[in-house]
PDB file of N, CA and C in Angstrom:
ATOM      1  N   UNK A   1     -22.260 168.310  32.586  1.00  0.00           N
ATOM      2  CA  UNK A   1     -20.945 167.710  32.695  1.00  0.00           C
ATOM      3  C   UNK A   1     -20.349 167.473  31.306  1.00  0.00           C
ATOM      4  N   UNK A   2     -21.129 166.918  30.384  1.00  0.00           N
ATOM      5  CA  UNK A   2     -20.624 166.673  29.034  1.00  0.00           C
ATOM      6  C   UNK A   2     -20.272 167.986  28.358  1.00  0.00           C
ATOM      7  N   UNK A   3     -21.066 169.009  28.621  1.00  0.00           N
ATOM      8  CA  UNK A   3     -20.790 170.330  28.048  1.00  0.00           C
ATOM      9  C   UNK A   3     -19.432 170.849  28.538  1.00  0.00           C
ATOM     10  N   UNK A   4     -19.156 170.692  29.825  1.00  0.00           N
ATOM     11  CA  UNK A   4     -17.881 171.142  30.387  1.00  0.00           C
ATOM     12  C   UNK A   4     -16.727 170.358  29.789  1.00  0.00           C
ATOM     13  N   UNK A   5     -16.875 169.055  29.658  1.00  0.00           N
ATOM     14  CA  UNK A   5     -15.822 168.221  29.080  1.00  0.00           C
ATOM     15  C   UNK A   5     -15.568 168.627  27.629  1.00  0.00           C
ATOM     16  N   UNK A   6     -16.629 168.860  26.875  1.00  0.00           N
ATOM     17  CA  UNK A   6     -16.444 169.262  25.477  1.00  0.00           C
ATOM     18  C   UNK A   6     -15.786 170.637  25.393  1.00  0.00           C
ATOM     19  N   UNK A   7     -16.141 171.549  26.299  1.00  0.00           N
ATOM     20  CA  UNK A   7     -15.509 172.866  26.309  1.00  0.00           C
ATOM     21  C   UNK A   7     -14.024 172.757  26.646  1.00  0.00           C
ATOM     22  N   UNK A   8     -13.678 171.866  27.554  1.00  0.00           N
ATOM     23  CA  UNK A   8     -12.258 171.667  27.892  1.00  0.00           C
ATOM     24  C   UNK A   8     -11.497 171.104  26.696  1.00  0.00           C
ATOM     25  N   UNK A   9     -12.126 170.188  25.964  1.00  0.00           N
ATOM     26  CA  UNK A   9     -11.501 169.650  24.755  1.00  0.00           C
ATOM     27  C   UNK A   9     -11.308 170.716  23.703  1.00  0.00           C
ATOM     28  N   UNK A  10     -12.329 171.533  23.522  1.00  0.00           N
ATOM     29  CA  UNK A  10     -12.211 172.645  22.577  1.00  0.00           C
ATOM     30  C   UNK A  10     -11.119 173.600  23.042  1.00  0.00           C
ATOM     31  N   UNK A  11     -11.064 173.847  24.339  1.00  0.00           N
ATOM     32  CA  UNK A  11     -10.035 174.735  24.892  1.00  0.00           C
ATOM     33  C   UNK A  11      -8.631 174.227  24.626  1.00  0.00           C
ATOM     34  N   UNK A  12      -8.421 172.928  24.823  1.00  0.00           N
ATOM     35  CA  UNK A  12      -7.097 172.348  24.557  1.00  0.00           C
ATOM     36  C   UNK A  12      -6.741 172.472  23.082  1.00  0.00           C
ATOM     37  N   UNK A  13      -7.733 172.268  22.226  1.00  0.00           N
ATOM     38  CA  UNK A  13      -7.506 172.429  20.784  1.00  0.00           C
ATOM     39  C   UNK A  13      -7.141 173.859  20.424  1.00  0.00           C
ATOM     40  N   UNK A  14      -7.801 174.824  21.059  1.00  0.00           N
ATOM     41  CA  UNK A  14      -7.513 176.238  20.798  1.00  0.00           C
ATOM     42  C   UNK A  14      -6.072 176.563  21.187  1.00  0.00           C
ATOM     43  N   UNK A  15      -5.626 176.051  22.310  1.00  0.00           N
ATOM     44  CA  UNK A  15      -4.250 176.301  22.760  1.00  0.00           C
ATOM     45  C   UNK A  15      -3.253 175.690  21.771  1.00  0.00           C
ATOM     46  N   UNK A  16      -3.527 174.468  21.310  1.00  0.00           N
ATOM     47  CA  UNK A  16      -2.640 173.825  20.327  1.00  0.00           C
ATOM     48  C   UNK A  16      -2.587 174.631  19.036  1.00  0.00           C
ATOM     49  N   UNK A  17      -3.719 175.181  18.628  1.00  0.00           N
ATOM     50  CA  UNK A  17      -3.750 176.010  17.425  1.00  0.00           C
ATOM     51  C   UNK A  17      -2.845 177.228  17.590  1.00  0.00           C
ATOM     52  N   UNK A  18      -2.785 177.800  18.793  1.00  0.00           N
ATOM     53  CA  UNK A  18      -1.897 178.939  19.048  1.00  0.00           C
ATOM     54  C   UNK A  18      -0.434 178.592  18.802  1.00  0.00           C
ATOM     55  N   UNK A  19      -0.010 177.414  19.244  1.00  0.00           N
ATOM     56  CA  UNK A  19       1.385 177.000  19.056  1.00  0.00           C
ATOM     57  C   UNK A  19       1.691 176.731  17.583  1.00  0.00           C
ATOM     58  N   UNK A  20       0.780 176.070  16.891  1.00  0.00           N
ATOM     59  CA  UNK A  20       0.976 175.780  15.467  1.00  0.00           C
ATOM     60  C   UNK A  20       0.977 177.082  14.663  1.00  0.00           C
ATOM     61  N   UNK A  21       0.047 177.979  14.980  1.00  0.00           N
ATOM     62  CA  UNK A  21      -0.029 179.268  14.269  1.00  0.00           C
ATOM     63  C   UNK A  21       1.247 180.077  14.461  1.00  0.00           C
ATOM     64  N   UNK A  22       1.853 179.986  15.644  1.00  0.00           N
ATOM     65  CA  UNK A  22       3.119 180.676  15.916  1.00  0.00           C
ATOM     66  C   UNK A  22       4.187 180.252  14.906  1.00  0.00           C
ATOM     67  N   UNK A  23       4.338 178.946  14.736  1.00  0.00           N
ATOM     68  CA  UNK A  23       5.355 178.438  13.808  1.00  0.00           C
ATOM     69  C   UNK A  23       5.009 178.745  12.356  1.00  0.00           C
ATOM     70  N   UNK A  24       3.739 178.620  12.008  1.00  0.00           N
ATOM     71  CA  UNK A  24       3.334 178.933  10.637  1.00  0.00           C
ATOM     72  C   UNK A  24       3.546 180.413  10.315  1.00  0.00           C
ATOM     73  N   UNK A  25       3.383 181.277  11.316  1.00  0.00           N
ATOM     74  CA  UNK A  25       3.643 182.706  11.112  1.00  0.00           C
ATOM     75  C   UNK A  25       5.109 182.932  10.762  1.00  0.00           C
ATOM     76  N   UNK A  26       6.014 182.259  11.478  1.00  0.00           N
ATOM     77  CA  UNK A  26       7.434 182.373  11.132  1.00  0.00           C
ATOM     78  C   UNK A  26       7.665 181.965   9.680  1.00  0.00           C
ATOM     79  N   UNK A  27       7.088 180.844   9.287  1.00  0.00           N
ATOM     80  CA  UNK A  27       7.299 180.330   7.932  1.00  0.00           C
ATOM     81  C   UNK A  27       6.741 181.279   6.873  1.00  0.00           C
ATOM     82  N   UNK A  28       5.520 181.742   7.063  1.00  0.00           N
ATOM     83  CA  UNK A  28       4.889 182.619   6.067  1.00  0.00           C
ATOM     84  C   UNK A  28       5.615 183.956   5.985  1.00  0.00           C
ATOM     85  N   UNK A  29       5.885 184.564   7.128  1.00  0.00           N
ATOM     86  CA  UNK A  29       6.574 185.859   7.120  1.00  0.00           C
ATOM     87  C   UNK A  29       7.991 185.703   6.578  1.00  0.00           C
ATOM     88  N   UNK A  30       8.656 184.620   6.938  1.00  0.00           N
ATOM     89  CA  UNK A  30       9.993 184.366   6.396  1.00  0.00           C
ATOM     90  C   UNK A  30       9.980 184.291   4.880  1.00  0.00           C
ATOM     91  N   UNK A  31       9.016 183.576   4.344  1.00  0.00           N
ATOM     92  CA  UNK A  31       8.880 183.458   2.883  1.00  0.00           C
ATOM     93  C   UNK A  31       8.565 184.814   2.259  1.00  0.00           C
ATOM     94  N   UNK A  32       7.640 185.571   2.866  1.00  0.00           N
ATOM     95  CA  UNK A  32       7.269 186.883   2.345  1.00  0.00           C
ATOM     96  C   UNK A  32       8.447 187.868   2.359  1.00  0.00           C
ATOM     97  N   UNK A  33       9.367 187.686   3.305  1.00  0.00           N
ATOM     98  CA  UNK A  33      10.527 188.569   3.401  1.00  0.00           C
ATOM     99  C   UNK A  33      11.722 188.058   2.598  1.00  0.00           C
ATOM    100  N   UNK A  34      11.505 187.058   1.770  1.00  0.00           N
ATOM    101  CA  UNK A  34      12.555 186.580   0.882  1.00  0.00           C
ATOM    102  C   UNK A  34      13.422 185.461   1.427  1.00  0.00           C
ATOM    103  N   UNK A  35      12.987 184.830   2.504  1.00  0.00           N
ATOM    104  CA  UNK A  35      13.758 183.741   3.083  1.00  0.00           C
ATOM    105  C   UNK A  35      13.476 182.412   2.403  1.00  0.00           C
ATOM    106  N   UNK A  36      14.329 181.442   2.680  1.00  0.00           N
ATOM    107  CA  UNK A  36      14.136 180.077   2.177  1.00  0.00           C
ATOM    108  C   UNK A  36      13.685 179.214   3.347  1.00  0.00           C
ATOM    109  N   UNK A  37      12.495 178.642   3.214  1.00  0.00           N
ATOM    110  CA  UNK A  37      11.958 177.766   4.253  1.00  0.00           C
ATOM    111  C   UNK A  37      12.357 176.341   3.898  1.00  0.00           C
ATOM    112  N   UNK A  38      13.160 175.733   4.762  1.00  0.00           N
ATOM    113  CA  UNK A  38      13.641 174.373   4.517  1.00  0.00           C
ATOM    114  C   UNK A  38      12.740 173.313   5.140  1.00  0.00           C
ATOM    115  N   UNK A  39      12.200 173.618   6.325  1.00  0.00           N
ATOM    116  CA  UNK A  39      11.413 172.608   7.031  1.00  0.00           C
ATOM    117  C   UNK A  39      10.428 173.285   7.969  1.00  0.00           C
ATOM    118  N   UNK A  40       9.216 172.782   8.003  1.00  0.00           N
ATOM    119  CA  UNK A  40       8.206 173.215   8.963  1.00  0.00           C
ATOM    120  C   UNK A  40       7.733 171.960   9.684  1.00  0.00           C
ATOM    121  N   UNK A  41       8.116 171.809  10.938  1.00  0.00           N
ATOM    122  CA  UNK A  41       7.756 170.640  11.738  1.00  0.00           C
ATOM    123  C   UNK A  41       6.736 171.066  12.782  1.00  0.00           C
ATOM    124  N   UNK A  42       5.472 170.759  12.519  1.00  0.00           N
ATOM    125  CA  UNK A  42       4.406 171.177  13.421  1.00  0.00           C
ATOM    126  C   UNK A  42       4.206 170.214  14.582  1.00  0.00           C
ATOM    127  N   UNK A  43       4.919 169.124  14.581  1.00  0.00           N
ATOM    128  CA  UNK A  43       4.870 168.205  15.719  1.00  0.00           C
ATOM    129  C   UNK A  43       5.855 168.669  16.787  1.00  0.00           C
ATOM    130  N   UNK A  44       7.084 168.948  16.362  1.00  0.00           N
ATOM    131  CA  UNK A  44       8.097 169.428  17.302  1.00  0.00           C
ATOM    132  C   UNK A  44       8.089 170.948  17.429  1.00  0.00           C
ATOM    133  N   UNK A  45       7.202 171.611  16.683  1.00  0.00           N
ATOM    134  CA  UNK A  45       7.061 173.068  16.701  1.00  0.00           C
ATOM    135  C   UNK A  45       8.386 173.758  16.407  1.00  0.00           C
ATOM    136  N   UNK A  46       8.868 173.504  15.203  1.00  0.00           N
ATOM    137  CA  UNK A  46      10.141 174.069  14.765  1.00  0.00           C
ATOM    138  C   UNK A  46      10.063 174.401  13.275  1.00  0.00           C
ATOM    139  N   UNK A  47      10.642 175.543  12.911  1.00  0.00           N
ATOM    140  CA  UNK A  47      10.718 175.945  11.512  1.00  0.00           C
ATOM    141  C   UNK A  47      12.178 176.256  11.204  1.00  0.00           C
ATOM    142  N   UNK A  48      12.683 175.698  10.107  1.00  0.00           N
ATOM    143  CA  UNK A  48      14.058 175.933   9.673  1.00  0.00           C
ATOM    144  C   UNK A  48      14.024 176.889   8.484  1.00  0.00           C
ATOM    145  N   UNK A  49      14.514 178.113   8.695  1.00  0.00           N
ATOM    146  CA  UNK A  49      14.456 179.164   7.682  1.00  0.00           C
ATOM    147  C   UNK A  49      15.827 179.817   7.556  1.00  0.00           C
ATOM    148  N   UNK A  50      16.185 180.132   6.325  1.00  0.00           N
ATOM    149  CA  UNK A  50      17.401 180.916   6.073  1.00  0.00           C
ATOM    150  C   UNK A  50      16.957 182.277   5.542  1.00  0.00           C
ATOM    151  N   UNK A  51      17.323 183.325   6.249  1.00  0.00           N
ATOM    152  CA  UNK A  51      16.919 184.674   5.860  1.00  0.00           C
ATOM    153  C   UNK A  51      18.093 185.400   5.198  1.00  0.00           C
ATOM    154  N   UNK A  52      17.808 186.276   4.208  1.00  0.00           N
ATOM    155  CA  UNK A  52      18.882 186.926   3.470  1.00  0.00           C
ATOM    156  C   UNK A  52      19.649 187.977   4.270  1.00  0.00           C
ATOM    157  N   UNK A  53      19.012 188.622   5.246  1.00  0.00           N
ATOM    158  CA  UNK A  53      19.710 189.643   6.042  1.00  0.00           C
ATOM    159  C   UNK A  53      19.340 189.495   7.514  1.00  0.00           C
ATOM    160  N   UNK A  54      20.155 190.081   8.363  1.00  0.00           N
ATOM    161  CA  UNK A  54      19.892 190.039   9.803  1.00  0.00           C
ATOM    162  C   UNK A  54      18.613 190.796  10.153  1.00  0.00           C
ATOM    163  N   UNK A  55      18.356 191.902   9.480  1.00  0.00           N
ATOM    164  CA  UNK A  55      17.152 192.685   9.748  1.00  0.00           C
ATOM    165  C   UNK A  55      15.903 191.878   9.413  1.00  0.00           C
ATOM    166  N   UNK A  56      15.914 191.223   8.263  1.00  0.00           N
ATOM    167  CA  UNK A  56      14.758 190.396   7.885  1.00  0.00           C
ATOM    168  C   UNK A  56      14.612 189.204   8.829  1.00  0.00           C
ATOM    169  N   UNK A  57      15.722 188.654   9.275  1.00  0.00           N
ATOM    170  CA  UNK A  57      15.673 187.559  10.238  1.00  0.00           C
ATOM    171  C   UNK A  57      15.019 188.027  11.537  1.00  0.00           C
ATOM    172  N   UNK A  58      15.395 189.213  12.008  1.00  0.00           N
ATOM    173  CA  UNK A  58      14.800 189.742  13.236  1.00  0.00           C
ATOM    174  C   UNK A  58      13.300 189.971  13.070  1.00  0.00           C
ATOM    175  N   UNK A  59      12.892 190.496  11.917  1.00  0.00           N
ATOM    176  CA  UNK A  59      11.463 190.704  11.659  1.00  0.00           C
ATOM    177  C   UNK A  59      10.714 189.378  11.634  1.00  0.00           C
ATOM    178  N   UNK A  60      11.311 188.369  11.011  1.00  0.00           N
ATOM    179  CA  UNK A  60      10.693 187.047  10.966  1.00  0.00           C
ATOM    180  C   UNK A  60      10.546 186.473  12.381  1.00  0.00           C
ATOM    181  N   UNK A  61      11.578 186.644  13.210  1.00  0.00           N
ATOM    182  CA  UNK A  61      11.525 186.135  14.577  1.00  0.00           C
ATOM    183  C   UNK A  61      10.469 186.861  15.413  1.00  0.00           C
ATOM    184  N   UNK A  62      10.312 188.146  15.186  1.00  0.00           N
ATOM    185  CA  UNK A  62       9.373 188.947  15.973  1.00  0.00           C
ATOM    186  C   UNK A  62       7.943 188.916  15.439  1.00  0.00           C
ATOM    187  N   UNK A  63       7.732 188.343  14.259  1.00  0.00           N
ATOM    188  CA  UNK A  63       6.413 188.387  13.617  1.00  0.00           C
ATOM    189  C   UNK A  63       5.269 187.898  14.510  1.00  0.00           C
ATOM    190  N   UNK A  64       5.368 186.732  15.184  1.00  0.00           N
ATOM    191  CA  UNK A  64       4.248 186.321  16.041  1.00  0.00           C
ATOM    192  C   UNK A  64       3.999 187.318  17.178  1.00  0.00           C
ATOM    193  N   UNK A  65       5.050 187.893  17.721  1.00  0.00           N
ATOM    194  CA  UNK A  65       4.892 188.882  18.789  1.00  0.00           C
ATOM    195  C   UNK A  65       4.215 190.143  18.298  1.00  0.00           C
ATOM    196  N   UNK A  66       4.613 190.612  17.117  1.00  0.00           N
ATOM    197  CA  UNK A  66       4.016 191.819  16.548  1.00  0.00           C
ATOM    198  C   UNK A  66       2.540 191.582  16.228  1.00  0.00           C
ATOM    199  N   UNK A  67       2.257 190.470  15.564  1.00  0.00           N
ATOM    200  CA  UNK A  67       0.871 190.167  15.205  1.00  0.00           C
ATOM    201  C   UNK A  67       0.030 189.919  16.461  1.00  0.00           C
ATOM    202  N   UNK A  68       0.591 189.193  17.409  1.00  0.00           N
ATOM    203  CA  UNK A  68      -0.131 188.933  18.659  1.00  0.00           C
ATOM    204  C   UNK A  68      -0.468 190.209  19.408  1.00  0.00           C
ATOM    205  N   UNK A  69       0.476 191.129  19.474  1.00  0.00           N
ATOM    206  CA  UNK A  69       0.205 192.408  20.149  1.00  0.00           C
ATOM    207  C   UNK A  69      -0.872 193.194  19.399  1.00  0.00           C
ATOM    208  N   UNK A  70      -0.835 193.133  18.077  1.00  0.00           N
ATOM    209  CA  UNK A  70      -1.853 193.833  17.282  1.00  0.00           C
ATOM    210  C   UNK A  70      -3.245 193.240  17.517  1.00  0.00           C
ATOM    211  N   UNK A  71      -3.299 191.954  17.823  1.00  0.00           N
ATOM    212  CA  UNK A  71      -4.585 191.288  18.062  1.00  0.00           C
ATOM    213  C   UNK A  71      -5.059 191.388  19.513  1.00  0.00           C
ATOM    214  N   UNK A  72      -4.236 191.929  20.388  1.00  0.00           N
ATOM    215  CA  UNK A  72      -4.590 191.959  21.808  1.00  0.00           C
ATOM    216  C   UNK A  72      -5.897 192.689  22.130  1.00  0.00           C
ATOM    217  N   UNK A  73      -6.298 193.717  21.375  1.00  0.00           N
ATOM    218  CA  UNK A  73      -7.611 194.311  21.684  1.00  0.00           C
ATOM    219  C   UNK A  73      -8.771 193.319  21.555  1.00  0.00           C
ATOM    220  N   UNK A  74      -8.588 192.282  20.735  1.00  0.00           N
ATOM    221  CA  UNK A  74      -9.636 191.272  20.615  1.00  0.00           C
ATOM    222  C   UNK A  74      -9.826 190.505  21.919  1.00  0.00           C
ATOM    223  N   UNK A  75      -8.739 190.397  22.726  1.00  0.00           N
ATOM    224  CA  UNK A  75      -8.881 189.732  24.029  1.00  0.00           C
ATOM    225  C   UNK A  75      -9.780 190.541  24.952  1.00  0.00           C
ATOM    226  N   UNK A  76      -9.647 191.861  24.891  1.00  0.00           N
ATOM    227  CA  UNK A  76     -10.510 192.712  25.717  1.00  0.00           C
ATOM    228  C   UNK A  76     -11.964 192.494  25.311  1.00  0.00           C
ATOM    229  N   UNK A  77     -12.215 192.474  24.012  1.00  0.00           N
ATOM    230  CA  UNK A  77     -13.575 192.220  23.528  1.00  0.00           C
ATOM    231  C   UNK A  77     -14.059 190.848  23.998  1.00  0.00           C
ATOM    232  N   UNK A  78     -13.192 189.830  23.887  1.00  0.00           N
ATOM    233  CA  UNK A  78     -13.576 188.476  24.289  1.00  0.00           C
ATOM    234  C   UNK A  78     -13.980 188.439  25.758  1.00  0.00           C
ATOM    235  N   UNK A  79     -13.178 189.063  26.624  1.00  0.00           N
ATOM    236  CA  UNK A  79     -13.459 189.014  28.052  1.00  0.00           C
ATOM    237  C   UNK A  79     -14.695 189.814  28.450  1.00  0.00           C
ATOM    238  N   UNK A  80     -15.153 190.717  27.590  1.00  0.00           N
ATOM    239  CA  UNK A  80     -16.380 191.451  27.882  1.00  0.00           C
ATOM    240  C   UNK A  80     -17.593 190.817  27.201  1.00  0.00           C
ATOM    241  N   UNK A  81     -17.369 189.735  26.488  1.00  0.00           N
ATOM    242  CA  UNK A  81     -18.462 189.045  25.791  1.00  0.00           C
ATOM    243  C   UNK A  81     -19.104 188.002  26.709  1.00  0.00           C
ATOM    244  N   UNK A  82     -20.093 187.313  26.175  1.00  0.00           N
ATOM    245  CA  UNK A  82     -20.793 186.280  26.947  1.00  0.00           C
ATOM    246  C   UNK A  82     -20.275 184.866  26.656  1.00  0.00           C
ATOM    247  N   UNK A  83     -19.120 184.768  26.064  1.00  0.00           N
ATOM    248  CA  UNK A  83     -18.504 183.472  25.768  1.00  0.00           C
ATOM    249  C   UNK A  83     -18.212 182.763  27.095  1.00  0.00           C
ATOM    250  N   UNK A  84     -18.357 181.431  27.162  1.00  0.00           N
ATOM    251  CA  UNK A  84     -18.063 180.700  28.404  1.00  0.00           C
ATOM    252  C   UNK A  84     -16.626 180.932  28.890  1.00  0.00           C
ATOM    253  N   UNK A  85     -16.480 180.934  30.211  1.00  0.00           N
ATOM    254  CA  UNK A  85     -15.191 181.234  30.831  1.00  0.00           C
ATOM    255  C   UNK A  85     -14.075 180.307  30.353  1.00  0.00           C
ATOM    256  N   UNK A  86     -14.358 179.027  30.174  1.00  0.00           N
ATOM    257  CA  UNK A  86     -13.313 178.091  29.758  1.00  0.00           C
ATOM    258  C   UNK A  86     -12.791 178.456  28.360  1.00  0.00           C
ATOM    259  N   UNK A  87     -13.647 178.939  27.483  1.00  0.00           N
ATOM    260  CA  UNK A  87     -13.214 179.355  26.147  1.00  0.00           C
ATOM    261  C   UNK A  87     -12.415 180.649  26.240  1.00  0.00           C
ATOM    262  N   UNK A  88     -12.866 181.575  27.082  1.00  0.00           N
ATOM    263  CA  UNK A  88     -12.104 182.813  27.289  1.00  0.00           C
ATOM    264  C   UNK A  88     -10.694 182.489  27.764  1.00  0.00           C
ATOM    265  N   UNK A  89     -10.594 181.581  28.720  1.00  0.00           N
ATOM    266  CA  UNK A  89      -9.292 181.197  29.245  1.00  0.00           C
ATOM    267  C   UNK A  89      -8.426 180.517  28.200  1.00  0.00           C
ATOM    268  N   UNK A  90      -9.029 179.602  27.435  1.00  0.00           N
ATOM    269  CA  UNK A  90      -8.263 178.883  26.410  1.00  0.00           C
ATOM    270  C   UNK A  90      -7.755 179.833  25.335  1.00  0.00           C
ATOM    271  N   UNK A  91      -8.601 180.742  24.881  1.00  0.00           N
ATOM    272  CA  UNK A  91      -8.173 181.704  23.859  1.00  0.00           C
ATOM    273  C   UNK A  91      -7.074 182.603  24.424  1.00  0.00           C
ATOM    274  N   UNK A  92      -7.184 182.994  25.675  1.00  0.00           N
ATOM    275  CA  UNK A  92      -6.154 183.829  26.290  1.00  0.00           C
ATOM    276  C   UNK A  92      -4.822 183.094  26.393  1.00  0.00           C
ATOM    277  N   UNK A  93      -4.867 181.830  26.796  1.00  0.00           N
ATOM    278  CA  UNK A  93      -3.636 181.038  26.864  1.00  0.00           C
ATOM    279  C   UNK A  93      -3.065 180.828  25.459  1.00  0.00           C
ATOM    280  N   UNK A  94      -3.940 180.571  24.493  1.00  0.00           N
ATOM    281  CA  UNK A  94      -3.480 180.417  23.103  1.00  0.00           C
ATOM    282  C   UNK A  94      -2.820 181.697  22.615  1.00  0.00           C
ATOM    283  N   UNK A  95      -3.367 182.855  22.989  1.00  0.00           N
ATOM    284  CA  UNK A  95      -2.767 184.133  22.614  1.00  0.00           C
ATOM    285  C   UNK A  95      -1.372 184.264  23.214  1.00  0.00           C
ATOM    286  N   UNK A  96      -1.240 183.889  24.486  1.00  0.00           N
ATOM    287  CA  UNK A  96       0.078 183.951  25.133  1.00  0.00           C
ATOM    288  C   UNK A  96       1.052 183.005  24.441  1.00  0.00           C
ATOM    289  N   UNK A  97       0.610 181.793  24.147  1.00  0.00           N
ATOM    290  CA  UNK A  97       1.457 180.813  23.464  1.00  0.00           C
ATOM    291  C   UNK A  97       1.868 181.346  22.094  1.00  0.00           C
ATOM    292  N   UNK A  98       0.903 181.890  21.350  1.00  0.00           N
ATOM    293  CA  UNK A  98       1.189 182.426  20.016  1.00  0.00           C
ATOM    294  C   UNK A  98       2.157 183.611  20.090  1.00  0.00           C
ATOM    295  N   UNK A  99       1.880 184.538  20.978  1.00  0.00           N
ATOM    296  CA  UNK A  99       2.619 185.795  21.027  1.00  0.00           C
ATOM    297  C   UNK A  99       3.964 185.665  21.722  1.00  0.00           C
ATOM    298  N   UNK A 100       4.035 184.900  22.788  1.00  0.00           N
ATOM    299  CA  UNK A 100       5.221 184.893  23.655  1.00  0.00           C
ATOM    300  C   UNK A 100       5.876 183.528  23.791  1.00  0.00           C
ATOM    301  N   UNK A 101       5.778 182.688  22.779  1.00  0.00           N
ATOM    302  CA  UNK A 101       6.308 181.329  22.866  1.00  0.00           C
ATOM    303  C   UNK A 101       7.667 181.211  22.183  1.00  0.00           C
ATOM    304  N   UNK A 102       8.450 182.252  22.224  1.00  0.00           N
ATOM    305  CA  UNK A 102       9.733 182.234  21.531  1.00  0.00           C
ATOM    306  C   UNK A 102      10.696 181.219  22.111  1.00  0.00           C
ATOM    307  N   UNK A 103      11.312 180.450  21.237  1.00  0.00           N
ATOM    308  CA  UNK A 103      12.310 179.476  21.660  1.00  0.00           C
ATOM    309  C   UNK A 103      13.676 179.784  21.092  1.00  0.00           C
ATOM    310  N   UNK A 104      13.804 180.900  20.388  1.00  0.00           N
ATOM    311  CA  UNK A 104      15.051 181.290  19.750  1.00  0.00           C
ATOM    312  C   UNK A 104      15.413 182.695  20.199  1.00  0.00           C
ATOM    313  N   UNK A 105      16.697 182.965  20.376  1.00  0.00           N
ATOM    314  CA  UNK A 105      17.105 184.326  20.699  1.00  0.00           C
ATOM    315  C   UNK A 105      16.563 185.283  19.660  1.00  0.00           C
ATOM    316  N   UNK A 106      15.977 186.382  20.110  1.00  0.00           N
ATOM    317  CA  UNK A 106      15.410 187.371  19.211  1.00  0.00           C
ATOM    318  C   UNK A 106      13.902 187.346  19.171  1.00  0.00           C
ATOM    319  N   UNK A 107      13.289 186.283  19.673  1.00  0.00           N
ATOM    320  CA  UNK A 107      11.828 186.202  19.730  1.00  0.00           C
ATOM    321  C   UNK A 107      11.348 186.736  21.071  1.00  0.00           C
ATOM    322  N   UNK A 108      10.093 187.185  21.097  1.00  0.00           N
ATOM    323  CA  UNK A 108       9.475 187.510  22.377  1.00  0.00           C
ATOM    324  C   UNK A 108       9.239 186.190  23.098  1.00  0.00           C
ATOM    325  N   UNK A 109       9.581 186.139  24.377  1.00  0.00           N
ATOM    326  CA  UNK A 109       9.454 184.876  25.094  1.00  0.00           C
ATOM    327  C   UNK A 109       9.192 185.105  26.573  1.00  0.00           C
ATOM    328  N   UNK A 110       8.437 184.193  27.172  1.00  0.00           N
ATOM    329  CA  UNK A 110       8.208 184.225  28.608  1.00  0.00           C
ATOM    330  C   UNK A 110       9.373 183.616  29.372  1.00  0.00           C
ATOM    331  N   UNK A 111      10.118 182.760  28.695  1.00  0.00           N
ATOM    332  CA  UNK A 111      11.244 182.086  29.345  1.00  0.00           C
ATOM    333  C   UNK A 111      12.536 182.549  28.697  1.00  0.00           C
ATOM    334  N   UNK A 112      13.627 182.334  29.375  1.00  0.00           N
ATOM    335  CA  UNK A 112      14.934 182.710  28.848  1.00  0.00           C
ATOM    336  C   UNK A 112      15.272 181.863  27.620  1.00  0.00           C
ATOM    337  N   UNK A 113      15.792 182.511  26.576  1.00  0.00           N
ATOM    338  CA  UNK A 113      16.187 181.784  25.381  1.00  0.00           C
ATOM    339  C   UNK A 113      17.684 181.901  25.131  1.00  0.00           C
ATOM    340  N   UNK A 114      18.413 182.300  26.166  1.00  0.00           N
ATOM    341  CA  UNK A 114      19.855 182.466  26.025  1.00  0.00           C
ATOM    342  C   UNK A 114      20.496 181.090  25.863  1.00  0.00           C
ATOM    343  N   UNK A 115      21.095 180.865  24.679  1.00  0.00           N
ATOM    344  CA  UNK A 115      21.710 179.568  24.402  1.00  0.00           C
ATOM    345  C   UNK A 115      23.229 179.613  24.498  1.00  0.00           C
ATOM    346  N   UNK A 116      23.785 180.750  24.888  1.00  0.00           N
ATOM    347  CA  UNK A 116      25.239 180.881  25.012  1.00  0.00           C
ATOM    348  C   UNK A 116      25.725 180.063  26.199  1.00  0.00           C
ATOM    349  N   UNK A 117      26.870 179.409  26.035  1.00  0.00           N
ATOM    350  CA  UNK A 117      27.429 178.629  27.146  1.00  0.00           C
ATOM    351  C   UNK A 117      28.782 179.150  27.516  1.00  0.00           C
TER     352      UNK A 117
END
């Protein structure tokens, strides 16, 4: 029972890491592409970046999706390994959160991000 509880705690931590890594990816890629990073809020999961061109802005927005898709073969390896099921599930959810957690138009997202009224 304690083992299961600890695995669930580790799983929740893994999922949170996916969300934080998503935002940090925007910040790092934005900086690497010549943008100005004004604020990185890892509590509210928001990054304020000014990019020099629309193309670089689009690349910065898509960076977690591109990197997440590139890492997807690791999920296949994980699911064929002997890692406990709860960890497999947590890493998979973290991957989805990292890759498809877009909250801004132009990001890959599971939910609609249309902000036009």
